[in-house]
Amino acid sequence: MRLMRKCPCAVWLVTPSRVQFQHVLGCVDTATDDPRDVETNDKVLELSRNISHYHGGYYSIVHAWSVWNEPMLKHRMDPDSFAEMVQSSQHQVETQLEKFLAKHGSGLNDKNVHLIKGNTAAAISSFVDHQDVDLVVMGTVGRSGVSGMVMGNTAEQILNQLTCSVLALKPSDFVCPIQMEN
């Protein structure tokens, strides 16, 4: 995990049993329009597509989403208001993902695009297990929390649950927290 947090470039972890990548999964998070996130999502999709084509396989794109603090809100809101809030959140997520996919010549209804509601780490891990994914391509840098300052908390949770190969990407402006001595 330390290598993933501090290495200034992409890190590719390959499991010995899966060196041919027939099914590549690109994990994107289109929740913000932050240029850094957009750049990472673009890289994830492009690398997923290129690696799968090189290996003669196929790729999937997944975005997992949830309503912030959903369990508490569900019990504190009336059912109709809660359902409306969830539907509104889903519509917003779909709109953002559709916008991202459109610039790559894809769409939300493509068979290789998956929008999954649920905890991100659990949803992606379950998808990997059930869809026989050989390689997960994902961004790693988060913006908050102690470990999230260097590597996103969600990325760490996902990595701890995967048994397949992983290509972890960093944004182009990532600065390694380790200072080299002269």
Protein backbone atom coordinates (compact mmCIF):
# COMPACT_ATOMS: atom_id res chain seq x y z
CA MET A 1 0.00 0.00 0.00
CA ARG A 2 2.92 2.38 0.69
CA LEU A 3 4.15 2.02 -2.88
CA MET A 4 0.69 2.88 -4.18
CA ARG A 5 0.50 5.95 -1.94
CA LYS A 6 3.90 7.42 -2.66
CA CYS A 7 5.00 6.34 -6.11
CA PRO A 8 4.88 9.39 -8.41
CA CYS A 9 3.71 7.36 -11.41
CA ALA A 10 1.15 4.71 -12.23
CA VAL A 11 1.59 1.38 -10.43
CA TRP A 12 0.64 -1.88 -12.15
CA LEU A 13 0.15 -4.84 -9.83
CA VAL A 14 -0.13 -8.10 -11.76
CA THR A 15 -1.38 -11.33 -10.26
CA PRO A 16 0.55 -14.34 -11.59
CA SER A 17 -2.64 -16.18 -12.52
CA ARG A 18 -4.00 -13.34 -14.67
CA VAL A 19 -1.43 -12.01 -17.11
CA GLN A 20 -3.80 -12.03 -20.09
CA PHE A 21 -6.36 -9.31 -19.59
CA GLN A 22 -9.51 -10.50 -21.33
CA HIS A 23 -11.85 -8.37 -19.22
CA VAL A 24 -10.59 -4.94 -18.18
CA LEU A 25 -12.66 -2.80 -15.83
CA GLY A 26 -12.24 0.97 -15.78
CA CYS A 27 -13.54 2.59 -12.59
CA VAL A 28 -14.55 6.22 -13.08
CA ASP A 29 -15.94 8.84 -10.73
CA THR A 30 -17.74 11.57 -12.63
CA ALA A 31 -19.16 13.26 -9.53
CA THR A 32 -17.15 16.47 -10.07
CA ASP A 33 -15.99 18.59 -12.98
CA ASP A 34 -12.62 19.16 -11.31
CA PRO A 35 -10.03 19.13 -14.13
CA ARG A 36 -7.86 16.70 -12.19
CA ASP A 37 -10.72 14.20 -11.87
CA VAL A 38 -11.74 14.66 -15.50
CA GLU A 39 -8.15 13.97 -16.62
CA THR A 40 -7.96 10.83 -14.47
CA ASN A 41 -11.31 9.54 -15.75
CA ASP A 42 -10.19 10.13 -19.34
CA LYS A 43 -6.98 8.16 -18.71
CA VAL A 44 -8.90 5.33 -17.02
CA LEU A 45 -11.28 4.92 -19.94
CA GLU A 46 -8.60 5.22 -22.63
CA LEU A 47 -6.22 2.76 -20.94
CA SER A 48 -9.04 0.28 -20.23
CA ARG A 49 -10.05 0.38 -23.88
CA ASN A 50 -6.46 0.13 -25.21
CA ILE A 51 -5.31 -2.66 -22.88
CA SER A 52 -8.39 -4.77 -23.61
CA HIS A 53 -7.95 -4.32 -27.36
CA TYR A 54 -4.25 -5.21 -27.14
CA HIS A 55 -5.14 -8.47 -25.38
CA GLY A 56 -8.05 -9.23 -27.71
CA GLY A 57 -10.54 -8.86 -24.89
CA TYR A 58 -13.20 -6.38 -23.87
CA TYR A 59 -13.60 -3.62 -21.33
CA SER A 60 -16.30 -2.38 -19.01
CA ILE A 61 -16.72 1.01 -17.39
CA VAL A 62 -18.25 1.21 -13.93
CA HIS A 63 -19.36 4.10 -11.76
CA ALA A 64 -20.66 3.28 -8.30
CA TRP A 65 -22.78 5.84 -6.49
CA SER A 66 -24.76 6.25 -3.32
CA VAL A 67 -26.78 8.89 -1.54
CA TRP A 68 -24.70 10.57 1.14
CA ASN A 69 -25.73 9.29 4.59
CA GLU A 70 -28.54 7.24 3.05
CA PRO A 71 -29.28 4.89 6.00
CA MET A 72 -29.84 7.79 8.39
CA LEU A 73 -31.83 9.84 5.90
CA LYS A 74 -34.06 6.89 5.05
CA HIS A 75 -35.22 6.67 8.66
CA ARG A 76 -35.61 10.42 9.16
CA MET A 77 -37.48 11.34 5.98
CA ASP A 78 -40.95 10.42 4.86
CA PRO A 79 -40.81 7.64 2.24
CA ASP A 80 -42.00 9.78 -0.69
CA SER A 81 -39.48 12.56 -0.02
CA PHE A 82 -36.71 10.02 0.39
CA ALA A 83 -37.60 8.23 -2.86
CA GLU A 84 -37.70 11.58 -4.67
CA MET A 85 -34.27 12.50 -3.28
CA VAL A 86 -32.78 9.16 -4.38
CA GLN A 87 -34.33 9.53 -7.84
CA SER A 88 -32.96 13.07 -8.13
CA SER A 89 -29.50 11.90 -7.08
CA GLN A 90 -29.59 9.06 -9.59
CA HIS A 91 -30.63 11.44 -12.36
CA GLN A 92 -27.73 13.76 -11.51
CA VAL A 93 -25.25 10.85 -11.52
CA GLU A 94 -26.62 9.55 -14.83
CA THR A 95 -26.38 13.00 -16.41
CA GLN A 96 -22.75 13.45 -15.34
CA LEU A 97 -21.77 9.96 -16.48
CA GLU A 98 -23.58 10.40 -19.81
CA LYS A 99 -21.70 13.67 -20.41
CA PHE A 100 -18.38 11.95 -19.73
CA LEU A 101 -19.18 8.95 -21.91
CA ALA A 102 -20.42 11.08 -24.83
CA LYS A 103 -17.03 12.71 -25.30
CA HIS A 104 -15.55 9.20 -25.65
CA GLY A 105 -18.13 8.01 -28.17
CA SER A 106 -20.04 5.92 -25.65
CA GLY A 107 -23.33 6.18 -23.82
CA LEU A 108 -25.06 5.15 -20.63
CA ASN A 109 -27.01 2.44 -22.46
CA ASP A 110 -23.93 0.72 -23.90
CA LYS A 111 -23.71 -2.88 -22.70
CA ASN A 112 -20.22 -2.33 -21.27
CA VAL A 113 -21.26 0.63 -19.07
CA HIS A 114 -22.45 -0.12 -15.55
CA LEU A 115 -23.92 2.35 -13.09
CA ILE A 116 -24.14 0.61 -9.73
CA LYS A 117 -25.89 1.95 -6.65
CA GLY A 118 -24.13 1.12 -3.42
CA ASN A 119 -20.95 1.49 -1.43
CA THR A 120 -18.22 2.07 -4.00
CA ALA A 121 -15.66 -0.41 -2.66
CA ALA A 122 -18.21 -3.18 -2.11
CA ALA A 123 -19.95 -2.58 -5.46
CA ILE A 124 -16.73 -2.66 -7.47
CA SER A 125 -15.36 -5.68 -5.62
CA SER A 126 -18.61 -7.56 -6.20
CA PHE A 127 -18.64 -6.60 -9.88
CA VAL A 128 -15.05 -7.83 -10.28
CA ASP A 129 -15.90 -11.17 -8.67
CA HIS A 130 -19.14 -11.76 -10.58
CA GLN A 131 -17.95 -10.56 -14.00
CA ASP A 132 -14.57 -12.35 -14.00
CA VAL A 133 -12.52 -9.16 -14.33
CA ASP A 134 -8.79 -9.66 -14.98
CA LEU A 135 -7.60 -6.07 -14.56
CA VAL A 136 -9.01 -3.04 -12.76
CA VAL A 137 -7.87 0.40 -13.94
CA MET A 138 -8.56 3.20 -11.48
CA GLY A 139 -7.40 6.56 -10.20
CA THR A 140 -5.94 6.76 -6.73
CA VAL A 141 -5.65 10.30 -5.46
CA GLY A 142 -8.20 11.67 -3.04
CA ARG A 143 -8.61 15.11 -1.53
CA SER A 144 -9.29 14.66 2.17
CA GLY A 145 -8.46 12.59 5.22
CA VAL A 146 -5.04 11.55 6.47
CA SER A 147 -4.44 8.70 4.03
CA GLY A 148 -6.70 10.37 1.48
CA MET A 149 -4.19 13.20 1.14
CA VAL A 150 -2.00 10.89 -0.89
CA MET A 151 -4.21 8.06 -1.99
CA GLY A 152 -7.99 8.16 -2.01
CA ASN A 153 -9.72 6.34 0.81
CA THR A 154 -12.08 4.67 -1.67
CA ALA A 155 -9.16 3.45 -3.78
CA GLU A 156 -7.55 1.91 -0.69
CA GLN A 157 -10.78 0.16 0.27
CA ILE A 158 -11.17 -1.24 -3.24
CA LEU A 159 -7.55 -2.40 -3.45
CA ASN A 160 -7.87 -4.25 -0.15
CA GLN A 161 -10.76 -6.30 -1.57
CA LEU A 162 -9.46 -7.20 -5.05
CA THR A 163 -7.71 -10.40 -6.09
CA CYS A 164 -7.18 -9.44 -9.75
CA SER A 165 -4.49 -7.27 -11.32
CA VAL A 166 -4.72 -3.50 -10.76
CA LEU A 167 -3.41 -0.50 -12.67
CA ALA A 168 -3.51 2.49 -10.31
CA LEU A 169 -3.16 5.89 -11.98
CA LYS A 170 -2.04 9.21 -10.56
CA PRO A 171 -2.96 12.63 -11.92
CA SER A 172 -0.25 14.35 -13.97
CA ASP A 173 0.34 16.94 -11.24
CA PHE A 174 0.83 14.38 -8.45
CA VAL A 175 3.81 15.24 -6.24
CA CYS A 176 5.52 12.42 -4.39
CA PRO A 177 5.49 13.12 -0.63
CA ILE A 178 9.00 11.67 -0.27
CA GLN A 179 11.70 14.30 -0.64
CA MET A 180 14.98 13.19 -2.16
CA GLU A 181 18.16 14.24 -0.39
CA ASN A 182 20.86 16.01 -2.41
